[in-house]
Amino acid sequence: MNEFDFIRRYLQRQPSDSDVVLGIGDDAAIVRPQPGYDLCFSSDMLLKGRHFFADVAPEDLAWKVLAVNLSDMAAMGARPRWVLLSAALPELDEAWLAHFCDSLFALAAQHGVALIGGDTTRGDLVFNVTIIGELPQGQGLRRDAAQVGDDIWVSGRVGLAAAALNSRLKNCVLPPEAAPECEAALLRPIPRVALGRALLPVARAAQDISDGLAQDIGHILKASGVGAELWADSLPTLPALKQHLGRAQWLAYTLAGGDDYELVFTAAPEHREAVSVAAEAAGTQVTRVGRINGSGGLQIVDAAHQDITLTSLGFDHFG
């Protein structure tokens, strides 16, 4: 099987989306966005040894390659529509490719996303996805929209993926009852697309948690010119992690571990009920974990309102 056989056999699946005028098979794809909508673009690269282990199952890898990009659309409140996939593969292993592509297209189908192009080359497992979504014109959950007095909310549970990663790196031992859920969070994060779209008329600013909650909320604070108080003991995580790991360890995982792909967002206090309704409609748990203030910085406090200092706020590729 050569490169072009691979593209035709595994990637050139006819999209059901009528807005794809021309898909894979030409020099470029052509799509037709809906009138009255803005296009929303994002791109993420995943490298073996940096973002995933070499022995990861192809179906788990495909899921994560797409899920982290869907999460970017969720953070904007956008409807994901189209993706382009570029891949560097060491060889064209048909069994591996079948598992990878079946998983990729299954997740894409869940969110109504069409694969419309990309590139392939020989290399040591590198993937880059460009995703395009749609937003009602003039709308979007931007990082620069938080206001003093806003509540800070987090979706789902944080710290699980970091706990699983550190378990694999022999930095901690997970309690048996927590291990499966932590592994699932690391390998197959759930992109909160439905929640992001439900929050579009309710929330102000949002960000997906990829590099660590403390670091990622810092992007909102900087863009909005505000500060925040974050309540560490209110952060949603697995109770078993709190019970089994030392306090400093689970705080580091929940606040700075990253790889959560949950949403952190702000909303006015008068919209608390509306936030709860949006979360229920999306089938996603949300937790209020802090408040935006005018301090210009991030203060992390415990239940007794004592300051917590972290040695790291999150992941940095060049740190």
C-alpha atoms as a PDB file:
ATOM      1  CA  MET A   1       0.000   0.000   0.000  1.00  0.00           C
ATOM      2  CA  ASN A   2       1.390   3.409  -0.940  1.00  0.00           C
ATOM      3  CA  GLU A   3       0.501   6.897   0.358  1.00  0.00           C
ATOM      4  CA  PHE A   4      -2.278   7.472  -2.158  1.00  0.00           C
ATOM      5  CA  ASP A   5      -3.839   4.048  -1.545  1.00  0.00           C
ATOM      6  CA  PHE A   6      -3.892   4.925   2.175  1.00  0.00           C
ATOM      7  CA  ILE A   7      -5.640   8.226   1.516  1.00  0.00           C
ATOM      8  CA  ARG A   8      -8.251   6.681  -0.787  1.00  0.00           C
ATOM      9  CA  ARG A   9      -8.901   3.617   1.369  1.00  0.00           C
ATOM     10  CA  TYR A  10      -8.887   5.116   4.861  1.00  0.00           C
ATOM     11  CA  LEU A  11      -9.349   8.890   4.690  1.00  0.00           C
ATOM     12  CA  GLN A  12     -11.421   9.651   1.588  1.00  0.00           C
ATOM     13  CA  ARG A  13     -14.809   8.943   3.136  1.00  0.00           C
ATOM     14  CA  GLN A  14     -17.688  10.851   1.636  1.00  0.00           C
ATOM     15  CA  PRO A  15     -18.861  13.471   4.167  1.00  0.00           C
ATOM     16  CA  SER A  16     -22.585  13.678   4.755  1.00  0.00           C
ATOM     17  CA  ASP A  17     -22.246  17.424   5.306  1.00  0.00           C
ATOM     18  CA  SER A  18     -23.907  19.172   2.353  1.00  0.00           C
ATOM     19  CA  ASP A  19     -21.763  22.246   3.059  1.00  0.00           C
ATOM     20  CA  VAL A  20     -18.664  20.367   1.856  1.00  0.00           C
ATOM     21  CA  VAL A  21     -18.600  21.404  -1.793  1.00  0.00           C
ATOM     22  CA  LEU A  22     -15.337  19.530  -2.497  1.00  0.00           C
ATOM     23  CA  GLY A  23     -13.623  17.192  -0.054  1.00  0.00           C
ATOM     24  CA  ILE A  24     -10.460  15.072  -0.107  1.00  0.00           C
ATOM     25  CA  GLY A  25      -8.979  14.327  -3.529  1.00  0.00           C
ATOM     26  CA  ASP A  26      -8.141  17.727  -5.004  1.00  0.00           C
ATOM     27  CA  ASP A  27      -5.517  20.400  -4.299  1.00  0.00           C
ATOM     28  CA  ALA A  28      -7.802  22.028  -1.743  1.00  0.00           C
ATOM     29  CA  ALA A  29     -11.187  21.491  -0.142  1.00  0.00           C
ATOM     30  CA  ILE A  30     -14.135  23.825  -0.649  1.00  0.00           C
ATOM     31  CA  VAL A  31     -16.706  24.420   2.081  1.00  0.00           C
ATOM     32  CA  ARG A  32     -19.718  26.707   2.210  1.00  0.00           C
ATOM     33  CA  PRO A  33     -20.340  28.309   5.653  1.00  0.00           C
ATOM     34  CA  GLN A  34     -23.832  29.286   6.721  1.00  0.00           C
ATOM     35  CA  PRO A  35     -24.908  32.886   6.132  1.00  0.00           C
ATOM     36  CA  GLY A  36     -24.730  34.970   9.301  1.00  0.00           C
ATOM     37  CA  TYR A  37     -21.931  32.910  10.882  1.00  0.00           C
ATOM     38  CA  ASP A  38     -18.260  33.612  11.577  1.00  0.00           C
ATOM     39  CA  LEU A  39     -15.637  30.915  11.017  1.00  0.00           C
ATOM     40  CA  CYS A  40     -13.508  29.831  13.969  1.00  0.00           C
ATOM     41  CA  PHE A  41     -10.075  28.202  13.326  1.00  0.00           C
ATOM     42  CA  SER A  42      -7.691  26.317  15.599  1.00  0.00           C
ATOM     43  CA  SER A  43      -4.719  23.990  15.139  1.00  0.00           C
ATOM     44  CA  ASP A  44      -2.946  21.537  17.468  1.00  0.00           C
ATOM     45  CA  MET A  45       0.122  19.354  17.009  1.00  0.00           C
ATOM     46  CA  LEU A  46       0.748  16.105  18.906  1.00  0.00           C
ATOM     47  CA  LEU A  47       4.172  14.409  18.934  1.00  0.00           C
ATOM     48  CA  LYS A  48       5.189  10.957  20.121  1.00  0.00           C
ATOM     49  CA  GLY A  49       7.123  11.169  23.378  1.00  0.00           C
ATOM     50  CA  ARG A  50       5.844  14.672  24.076  1.00  0.00           C
ATOM     51  CA  HIS A  51       2.059  14.357  23.978  1.00  0.00           C
ATOM     52  CA  PHE A  52       1.566  10.596  23.948  1.00  0.00           C
ATOM     53  CA  PHE A  53       3.473   7.402  24.719  1.00  0.00           C
ATOM     54  CA  ALA A  54       4.887   5.338  21.870  1.00  0.00           C
ATOM     55  CA  ASP A  55       2.834   2.278  22.860  1.00  0.00           C
ATOM     56  CA  VAL A  56      -0.549   4.038  22.893  1.00  0.00           C
ATOM     57  CA  ALA A  57      -3.332   2.096  21.176  1.00  0.00           C
ATOM     58  CA  PRO A  58      -4.153   3.594  17.751  1.00  0.00           C
ATOM     59  CA  GLU A  59      -7.845   3.988  18.623  1.00  0.00           C
ATOM     60  CA  ASP A  60      -6.956   5.968  21.780  1.00  0.00           C
ATOM     61  CA  LEU A  61      -4.455   8.087  19.882  1.00  0.00           C
ATOM     62  CA  ALA A  62      -6.962   8.946  17.151  1.00  0.00           C
ATOM     63  CA  TRP A  63      -9.537   9.912  19.761  1.00  0.00           C
ATOM     64  CA  LYS A  64      -7.157  12.296  21.513  1.00  0.00           C
ATOM     65  CA  VAL A  65      -5.787  13.792  18.290  1.00  0.00           C
ATOM     66  CA  LEU A  66      -9.298  14.946  17.410  1.00  0.00           C
ATOM     67  CA  ALA A  67     -10.675  15.519  20.921  1.00  0.00           C
ATOM     68  CA  VAL A  68      -8.110  18.159  21.874  1.00  0.00           C
ATOM     69  CA  ASN A  69      -9.113  20.164  18.802  1.00  0.00           C
ATOM     70  CA  LEU A  70     -12.821  19.742  19.479  1.00  0.00           C
ATOM     71  CA  SER A  71     -12.069  21.099  22.949  1.00  0.00           C
ATOM     72  CA  ASP A  72     -10.780  24.339  21.408  1.00  0.00           C
ATOM     73  CA  MET A  73     -14.099  24.757  19.604  1.00  0.00           C
ATOM     74  CA  ALA A  74     -15.936  24.037  22.859  1.00  0.00           C
ATOM     75  CA  ALA A  75     -13.988  26.803  24.598  1.00  0.00           C
ATOM     76  CA  MET A  76     -15.177  29.278  21.983  1.00  0.00           C
ATOM     77  CA  GLY A  77     -18.786  28.112  22.083  1.00  0.00           C
ATOM     78  CA  ALA A  78     -18.444  27.120  18.425  1.00  0.00           C
ATOM     79  CA  ARG A  79     -20.007  24.300  16.468  1.00  0.00           C
ATOM     80  CA  PRO A  80     -17.145  22.232  15.001  1.00  0.00           C
ATOM     81  CA  ARG A  81     -17.667  21.550  11.306  1.00  0.00           C
ATOM     82  CA  TRP A  82     -14.534  20.539   9.375  1.00  0.00           C
ATOM     83  CA  VAL A  83     -11.037  19.217  10.090  1.00  0.00           C
ATOM     84  CA  LEU A  84      -7.788  18.813   8.167  1.00  0.00           C
ATOM     85  CA  LEU A  85      -5.417  16.104   9.382  1.00  0.00           C
ATOM     86  CA  SER A  86      -1.684  16.021   8.658  1.00  0.00           C
ATOM     87  CA  ALA A  87       0.232  12.952   9.809  1.00  0.00           C
ATOM     88  CA  ALA A  88       3.829  11.760   9.822  1.00  0.00           C
ATOM     89  CA  LEU A  89       3.816   7.950   9.990  1.00  0.00           C
ATOM     90  CA  PRO A  90       6.822   5.619  10.211  1.00  0.00           C
ATOM     91  CA  GLU A  91       5.061   3.021   8.039  1.00  0.00           C
ATOM     92  CA  LEU A  92       1.664   2.209   6.569  1.00  0.00           C
ATOM     93  CA  ASP A  93       0.561  -0.603   8.894  1.00  0.00           C
ATOM     94  CA  GLU A  94      -2.923  -1.498   7.648  1.00  0.00           C
ATOM     95  CA  ALA A  95      -4.213  -2.989  10.909  1.00  0.00           C
ATOM     96  CA  TRP A  96      -2.955   0.027  12.898  1.00  0.00           C
ATOM     97  CA  LEU A  97      -4.421   2.462  10.373  1.00  0.00           C
ATOM     98  CA  ALA A  98      -7.802   0.713  10.374  1.00  0.00           C
ATOM     99  CA  HIS A  99      -8.111   1.060  14.165  1.00  0.00           C
ATOM    100  CA  PHE A 100      -6.891   4.668  14.070  1.00  0.00           C
ATOM    101  CA  CYS A 101      -9.203   5.788  11.278  1.00  0.00           C
ATOM    102  CA  ASP A 102     -12.291   3.978  12.588  1.00  0.00           C
ATOM    103  CA  SER A 103     -11.879   5.714  15.961  1.00  0.00           C
ATOM    104  CA  LEU A 104     -11.179   9.093  14.351  1.00  0.00           C
ATOM    105  CA  PHE A 105     -14.265   8.952  12.142  1.00  0.00           C
ATOM    106  CA  ALA A 106     -16.443   7.647  14.987  1.00  0.00           C
ATOM    107  CA  LEU A 107     -15.613  10.673  17.167  1.00  0.00           C
ATOM    108  CA  ALA A 108     -15.992  13.000  14.189  1.00  0.00           C
ATOM    109  CA  ALA A 109     -19.448  11.556  13.530  1.00  0.00           C
ATOM    110  CA  GLN A 110     -20.466  12.154  17.152  1.00  0.00           C
ATOM    111  CA  HIS A 111     -19.890  15.874  16.627  1.00  0.00           C
ATOM    112  CA  GLY A 112     -20.977  16.200  12.995  1.00  0.00           C
ATOM    113  CA  VAL A 113     -17.447  16.934  11.790  1.00  0.00           C
ATOM    114  CA  ALA A 114     -16.165  16.168   8.277  1.00  0.00           C
ATOM    115  CA  LEU A 115     -12.539  15.397   7.398  1.00  0.00           C
ATOM    116  CA  ILE A 116     -11.877  17.506   4.302  1.00  0.00           C
ATOM    117  CA  GLY A 117      -8.116  17.321   3.742  1.00  0.00           C
ATOM    118  CA  GLY A 118      -4.599  17.356   5.134  1.00  0.00           C
ATOM    119  CA  ASP A 119      -1.247  15.798   4.320  1.00  0.00           C
ATOM    120  CA  THR A 120       0.751  12.630   4.934  1.00  0.00           C
ATOM    121  CA  THR A 121       4.477  11.958   5.010  1.00  0.00           C
ATOM    122  CA  ARG A 122       6.959   9.468   6.430  1.00  0.00           C
ATOM    123  CA  GLY A 123       8.057  10.382   9.947  1.00  0.00           C
ATOM    124  CA  ASP A 124       7.990   9.364  13.580  1.00  0.00           C
ATOM    125  CA  LEU A 125       4.336   9.765  14.613  1.00  0.00           C
ATOM    126  CA  VAL A 126       3.446  13.438  14.466  1.00  0.00           C
ATOM    127  CA  PHE A 127      -0.146  14.609  14.001  1.00  0.00           C
ATOM    128  CA  ASN A 128      -1.489  18.064  13.299  1.00  0.00           C
ATOM    129  CA  VAL A 129      -5.190  18.843  13.105  1.00  0.00           C
ATOM    130  CA  THR A 130      -6.664  22.108  11.898  1.00  0.00           C
ATOM    131  CA  ILE A 131     -10.283  22.450  12.920  1.00  0.00           C
ATOM    132  CA  ILE A 132     -12.845  24.933  11.626  1.00  0.00           C
ATOM    133  CA  GLY A 133     -16.064  25.776  13.402  1.00  0.00           C
ATOM    134  CA  GLU A 134     -18.952  28.191  13.107  1.00  0.00           C
ATOM    135  CA  LEU A 135     -20.183  30.856  15.495  1.00  0.00           C
ATOM    136  CA  PRO A 136     -23.215  33.109  15.201  1.00  0.00           C
ATOM    137  CA  GLN A 137     -21.850  36.335  13.803  1.00  0.00           C
ATOM    138  CA  GLY A 138     -20.257  38.567  16.451  1.00  0.00           C
ATOM    139  CA  GLN A 139     -20.479  35.966  19.207  1.00  0.00           C
ATOM    140  CA  GLY A 140     -17.898  33.740  20.886  1.00  0.00           C
ATOM    141  CA  LEU A 141     -16.554  32.934  24.360  1.00  0.00           C
ATOM    142  CA  ARG A 142     -13.368  34.996  24.187  1.00  0.00           C
ATOM    143  CA  ARG A 143     -10.612  35.172  26.782  1.00  0.00           C
ATOM    144  CA  ASP A 144     -10.818  38.960  26.976  1.00  0.00           C
ATOM    145  CA  ALA A 145     -14.411  39.225  28.196  1.00  0.00           C
ATOM    146  CA  ALA A 146     -14.171  38.444  31.944  1.00  0.00           C
ATOM    147  CA  GLN A 147     -15.408  41.185  34.273  1.00  0.00           C
ATOM    148  CA  VAL A 148     -14.789  41.993  37.927  1.00  0.00           C
ATOM    149  CA  GLY A 149     -17.396  40.199  40.046  1.00  0.00           C
ATOM    150  CA  ASP A 150     -17.807  37.253  37.663  1.00  0.00           C
ATOM    151  CA  ASP A 151     -18.002  33.750  39.070  1.00  0.00           C
ATOM    152  CA  ILE A 152     -15.359  31.281  37.891  1.00  0.00           C
ATOM    153  CA  TRP A 153     -16.639  27.828  36.932  1.00  0.00           C
ATOM    154  CA  VAL A 154     -14.975  24.567  35.938  1.00  0.00           C
ATOM    155  CA  SER A 155     -16.602  21.682  34.087  1.00  0.00           C
ATOM    156  CA  GLY A 156     -16.210  18.007  34.920  1.00  0.00           C
ATOM    157  CA  ARG A 157     -13.286  16.933  37.099  1.00  0.00           C
ATOM    158  CA  VAL A 158      -9.681  18.101  36.937  1.00  0.00           C
ATOM    159  CA  GLY A 159      -6.395  16.443  37.869  1.00  0.00           C
ATOM    160  CA  LEU A 160      -7.306  12.938  36.684  1.00  0.00           C
ATOM    161  CA  ALA A 161      -5.208  12.903  33.519  1.00  0.00           C
ATOM    162  CA  ALA A 162      -2.221  14.347  35.384  1.00  0.00           C
ATOM    163  CA  ALA A 163      -2.593  11.658  38.038  1.00  0.00           C
ATOM    164  CA  ALA A 164      -2.634   8.934  35.355  1.00  0.00           C
ATOM    165  CA  LEU A 165       0.401  10.426  33.619  1.00  0.00           C
ATOM    166  CA  ASN A 166       2.360  10.664  36.871  1.00  0.00           C
ATOM    167  CA  SER A 167       1.394   7.116  37.737  1.00  0.00           C
ATOM    168  CA  ARG A 168       2.877   5.959  34.416  1.00  0.00           C
ATOM    169  CA  LEU A 169       6.006   7.983  35.165  1.00  0.00           C
ATOM    170  CA  LYS A 170       6.244   6.290  38.618  1.00  0.00           C
ATOM    171  CA  ASN A 171       5.750   9.587  40.459  1.00  0.00           C
ATOM    172  CA  CYS A 172       2.696   8.329  42.332  1.00  0.00           C
ATOM    173  CA  VAL A 173       0.640   5.208  42.952  1.00  0.00           C
ATOM    174  CA  LEU A 174      -3.055   5.502  42.133  1.00  0.00           C
ATOM    175  CA  PRO A 175      -5.669   3.826  44.299  1.00  0.00           C
ATOM    176  CA  PRO A 176      -7.195   0.917  42.335  1.00  0.00           C
ATOM    177  CA  GLU A 177     -10.670   2.444  42.413  1.00  0.00           C
ATOM    178  CA  ALA A 178      -9.403   5.652  40.765  1.00  0.00           C
ATOM    179  CA  ALA A 179      -7.045   4.209  38.149  1.00  0.00           C
ATOM    180  CA  PRO A 180      -9.579   3.360  35.390  1.00  0.00           C
ATOM    181  CA  GLU A 181     -11.217   6.788  35.426  1.00  0.00           C
ATOM    182  CA  CYS A 182      -7.856   8.564  35.510  1.00  0.00           C
ATOM    183  CA  GLU A 183      -6.572   6.479  32.577  1.00  0.00           C
ATOM    184  CA  ALA A 184      -9.728   7.239  30.608  1.00  0.00           C
ATOM    185  CA  ALA A 185      -9.266  10.970  31.263  1.00  0.00           C
ATOM    186  CA  LEU A 186      -5.694  10.788  29.951  1.00  0.00           C
ATOM    187  CA  LEU A 187      -6.382   8.661  26.879  1.00  0.00           C
ATOM    188  CA  ARG A 188      -9.897   9.744  25.902  1.00  0.00           C
ATOM    189  CA  PRO A 189     -10.744  13.240  27.160  1.00  0.00           C
ATOM    190  CA  ILE A 190     -14.330  14.299  26.578  1.00  0.00           C
ATOM    191  CA  PRO A 191     -14.537  17.540  24.585  1.00  0.00           C
ATOM    192  CA  ARG A 192     -17.227  19.742  26.149  1.00  0.00           C
ATOM    193  CA  VAL A 193     -18.690  20.901  22.854  1.00  0.00           C
ATOM    194  CA  ALA A 194     -22.328  20.729  23.966  1.00  0.00           C
ATOM    195  CA  LEU A 195     -21.544  22.714  27.111  1.00  0.00           C
ATOM    196  CA  GLY A 196     -19.635  25.392  25.216  1.00  0.00           C
ATOM    197  CA  ARG A 197     -22.520  25.913  22.828  1.00  0.00           C
ATOM    198  CA  ALA A 198     -25.054  25.950  25.678  1.00  0.00           C
ATOM    199  CA  LEU A 199     -22.977  28.574  27.514  1.00  0.00           C
ATOM    200  CA  LEU A 200     -22.700  30.894  24.532  1.00  0.00           C
ATOM    201  CA  PRO A 201     -25.563  33.193  25.628  1.00  0.00           C
ATOM    202  CA  VAL A 202     -24.704  32.863  29.345  1.00  0.00           C
ATOM    203  CA  ALA A 203     -20.944  32.898  29.978  1.00  0.00           C
ATOM    204  CA  ARG A 204     -18.524  35.734  29.310  1.00  0.00           C
ATOM    205  CA  ALA A 205     -14.998  34.330  28.950  1.00  0.00           C
ATOM    206  CA  ALA A 206     -13.828  30.739  28.543  1.00  0.00           C
ATOM    207  CA  GLN A 207     -10.709  28.649  27.997  1.00  0.00           C
ATOM    208  CA  ASP A 208     -10.116  24.922  27.770  1.00  0.00           C
ATOM    209  CA  ILE A 209      -7.787  23.463  30.392  1.00  0.00           C
ATOM    210  CA  SER A 210      -4.913  21.909  28.472  1.00  0.00           C
ATOM    211  CA  ASP A 211      -1.751  23.150  30.208  1.00  0.00           C
ATOM    212  CA  GLY A 212      -3.034  23.409  33.800  1.00  0.00           C
ATOM    213  CA  LEU A 213      -5.947  25.254  35.395  1.00  0.00           C
ATOM    214  CA  ALA A 214      -3.844  27.918  37.108  1.00  0.00           C
ATOM    215  CA  GLN A 215      -1.902  28.698  33.943  1.00  0.00           C
ATOM    216  CA  ASP A 216      -4.903  28.608  31.635  1.00  0.00           C
ATOM    217  CA  ILE A 217      -7.077  30.838  33.801  1.00  0.00           C
ATOM    218  CA  GLY A 218      -4.100  33.187  33.815  1.00  0.00           C
ATOM    219  CA  HIS A 219      -4.607  33.642  30.065  1.00  0.00           C
ATOM    220  CA  ILE A 220      -8.159  34.865  30.746  1.00  0.00           C
ATOM    221  CA  LEU A 221      -6.938  37.235  33.464  1.00  0.00           C
ATOM    222  CA  LYS A 222      -4.222  38.720  31.262  1.00  0.00           C
ATOM    223  CA  ALA A 223      -6.471  39.126  28.221  1.00  0.00           C
ATOM    224  CA  SER A 224      -9.264  40.685  30.307  1.00  0.00           C
ATOM    225  CA  GLY A 225      -7.027  42.883  32.472  1.00  0.00           C
ATOM    226  CA  VAL A 226      -8.439  41.457  35.710  1.00  0.00           C
ATOM    227  CA  GLY A 227      -7.403  39.271  38.658  1.00  0.00           C
ATOM    228  CA  ALA A 228      -8.987  36.325  40.413  1.00  0.00           C
ATOM    229  CA  GLU A 229      -9.339  34.405  43.635  1.00  0.00           C
ATOM    230  CA  LEU A 230      -9.374  30.638  43.105  1.00  0.00           C
ATOM    231  CA  TRP A 231     -10.666  28.295  45.820  1.00  0.00           C
ATOM    232  CA  ALA A 232      -8.385  25.250  45.727  1.00  0.00           C
ATOM    233  CA  ASP A 233     -10.492  23.099  48.029  1.00  0.00           C
ATOM    234  CA  SER A 234     -13.549  23.613  45.824  1.00  0.00           C
ATOM    235  CA  LEU A 235     -11.900  22.177  42.712  1.00  0.00           C
ATOM    236  CA  PRO A 236     -13.802  19.139  41.404  1.00  0.00           C
ATOM    237  CA  THR A 237     -11.653  16.001  41.336  1.00  0.00           C
ATOM    238  CA  LEU A 238     -11.936  12.355  42.320  1.00  0.00           C
ATOM    239  CA  PRO A 239     -12.397  12.001  46.095  1.00  0.00           C
ATOM    240  CA  ALA A 240     -10.099   8.964  45.991  1.00  0.00           C
ATOM    241  CA  LEU A 241      -7.232  11.160  44.784  1.00  0.00           C
ATOM    242  CA  LYS A 242      -7.690  13.515  47.720  1.00  0.00           C
ATOM    243  CA  GLN A 243      -7.859  10.598  50.142  1.00  0.00           C
ATOM    244  CA  HIS A 244      -4.916   8.654  48.767  1.00  0.00           C
ATOM    245  CA  LEU A 245      -2.416  11.246  47.553  1.00  0.00           C
ATOM    246  CA  GLY A 246      -0.686  13.829  49.692  1.00  0.00           C
ATOM    247  CA  ARG A 247      -2.290  17.265  49.723  1.00  0.00           C
ATOM    248  CA  ALA A 248       0.569  18.927  47.834  1.00  0.00           C
ATOM    249  CA  GLN A 249       0.404  16.207  45.181  1.00  0.00           C
ATOM    250  CA  TRP A 250      -3.307  16.338  44.405  1.00  0.00           C
ATOM    251  CA  LEU A 251      -3.246  20.138  44.486  1.00  0.00           C
ATOM    252  CA  ALA A 252      -0.421  20.110  41.942  1.00  0.00           C
ATOM    253  CA  TYR A 253      -2.366  17.742  39.683  1.00  0.00           C
ATOM    254  CA  THR A 254      -5.653  19.666  39.871  1.00  0.00           C
ATOM    255  CA  LEU A 255      -4.164  23.149  39.646  1.00  0.00           C
ATOM    256  CA  ALA A 256      -1.184  22.648  37.343  1.00  0.00           C
ATOM    257  CA  GLY A 257      -1.336  19.132  35.906  1.00  0.00           C
ATOM    258  CA  GLY A 258      -3.028  19.907  32.613  1.00  0.00           C
ATOM    259  CA  ASP A 259      -4.388  17.559  29.934  1.00  0.00           C
ATOM    260  CA  ASP A 260      -7.874  17.912  31.441  1.00  0.00           C
ATOM    261  CA  TYR A 261      -9.649  19.414  28.399  1.00  0.00           C
ATOM    262  CA  GLU A 262     -12.380  20.683  30.668  1.00  0.00           C
ATOM    263  CA  LEU A 263     -13.665  24.248  30.400  1.00  0.00           C
ATOM    264  CA  VAL A 264     -12.908  27.074  32.803  1.00  0.00           C
ATOM    265  CA  PHE A 265     -15.283  29.971  32.251  1.00  0.00           C
ATOM    266  CA  THR A 266     -16.682  33.091  33.868  1.00  0.00           C
ATOM    267  CA  ALA A 267     -20.238  34.310  34.184  1.00  0.00           C
ATOM    268  CA  ALA A 268     -22.056  37.047  36.072  1.00  0.00           C
ATOM    269  CA  PRO A 269     -23.428  35.973  39.499  1.00  0.00           C
ATOM    270  CA  GLU A 270     -26.990  36.677  38.377  1.00  0.00           C
ATOM    271  CA  HIS A 271     -26.561  33.938  35.751  1.00  0.00           C
ATOM    272  CA  ARG A 272     -25.824  31.107  38.204  1.00  0.00           C
ATOM    273  CA  GLU A 273     -29.155  29.430  37.586  1.00  0.00           C
ATOM    274  CA  ALA A 274     -28.762  29.837  33.818  1.00  0.00           C
ATOM    275  CA  VAL A 275     -25.292  28.260  34.015  1.00  0.00           C
ATOM    276  CA  SER A 276     -26.756  25.300  35.902  1.00  0.00           C
ATOM    277  CA  VAL A 277     -29.524  24.931  33.326  1.00  0.00           C
ATOM    278  CA  ALA A 278     -26.991  25.044  30.465  1.00  0.00           C
ATOM    279  CA  ALA A 279     -24.810  22.446  32.185  1.00  0.00           C
ATOM    280  CA  GLU A 280     -27.773  20.153  32.799  1.00  0.00           C
ATOM    281  CA  ALA A 281     -28.853  20.477  29.170  1.00  0.00           C
ATOM    282  CA  ALA A 282     -25.311  19.520  28.102  1.00  0.00           C
ATOM    283  CA  GLY A 283     -25.157  16.626  30.566  1.00  0.00           C
ATOM    284  CA  THR A 284     -22.042  18.056  32.211  1.00  0.00           C
ATOM    285  CA  GLN A 285     -21.224  18.803  35.832  1.00  0.00           C
ATOM    286  CA  VAL A 286     -20.025  22.336  36.584  1.00  0.00           C
ATOM    287  CA  THR A 287     -18.556  23.701  39.831  1.00  0.00           C
ATOM    288  CA  ARG A 288     -18.094  27.279  41.001  1.00  0.00           C
ATOM    289  CA  VAL A 289     -14.435  27.584  42.041  1.00  0.00           C
ATOM    290  CA  GLY A 290     -13.628  31.281  42.387  1.00  0.00           C
ATOM    291  CA  ARG A 291     -14.323  34.908  41.589  1.00  0.00           C
ATOM    292  CA  ILE A 292     -12.901  37.515  39.239  1.00  0.00           C
ATOM    293  CA  ASN A 293     -11.554  40.621  40.992  1.00  0.00           C
ATOM    294  CA  GLY A 294      -9.580  43.728  40.143  1.00  0.00           C
ATOM    295  CA  SER A 295      -6.262  42.653  41.665  1.00  0.00           C
ATOM    296  CA  GLY A 296      -4.558  42.021  38.336  1.00  0.00           C
ATOM    297  CA  GLY A 297      -3.186  38.657  39.483  1.00  0.00           C
ATOM    298  CA  LEU A 298      -4.184  35.152  40.522  1.00  0.00           C
ATOM    299  CA  GLN A 299      -4.531  34.330  44.215  1.00  0.00           C
ATOM    300  CA  ILE A 300      -5.072  30.665  45.106  1.00  0.00           C
ATOM    301  CA  VAL A 301      -6.466  30.085  48.590  1.00  0.00           C
ATOM    302  CA  ASP A 302      -7.489  27.105  50.724  1.00  0.00           C
ATOM    303  CA  ALA A 303     -10.700  26.660  52.720  1.00  0.00           C
ATOM    304  CA  ALA A 304      -9.268  28.819  55.538  1.00  0.00           C
ATOM    305  CA  HIS A 305      -8.464  31.539  52.999  1.00  0.00           C
ATOM    306  CA  GLN A 306      -4.719  30.959  53.375  1.00  0.00           C
ATOM    307  CA  ASP A 307      -2.573  31.488  50.287  1.00  0.00           C
ATOM    308  CA  ILE A 308      -1.336  28.464  48.337  1.00  0.00           C
ATOM    309  CA  THR A 309       1.878  28.830  46.358  1.00  0.00           C
ATOM    310  CA  LEU A 310       2.620  26.501  43.450  1.00  0.00           C
ATOM    311  CA  THR A 311       6.106  25.666  42.198  1.00  0.00           C
ATOM    312  CA  SER A 312       4.643  25.514  38.670  1.00  0.00           C
ATOM    313  CA  LEU A 313       1.421  26.938  37.233  1.00  0.00           C
ATOM    314  CA  GLY A 314       1.296  24.454  34.373  1.00  0.00           C
ATOM    315  CA  PHE A 315       2.964  22.954  31.327  1.00  0.00           C
ATOM    316  CA  ASP A 316       5.305  24.931  29.068  1.00  0.00           C
ATOM    317  CA  HIS A 317       6.848  23.293  25.992  1.00  0.00           C
ATOM    318  CA  PHE A 318       9.933  25.481  26.281  1.00  0.00           C
ATOM    319  CA  GLY A 319      10.001  25.786  30.076  1.00  0.00           C
END
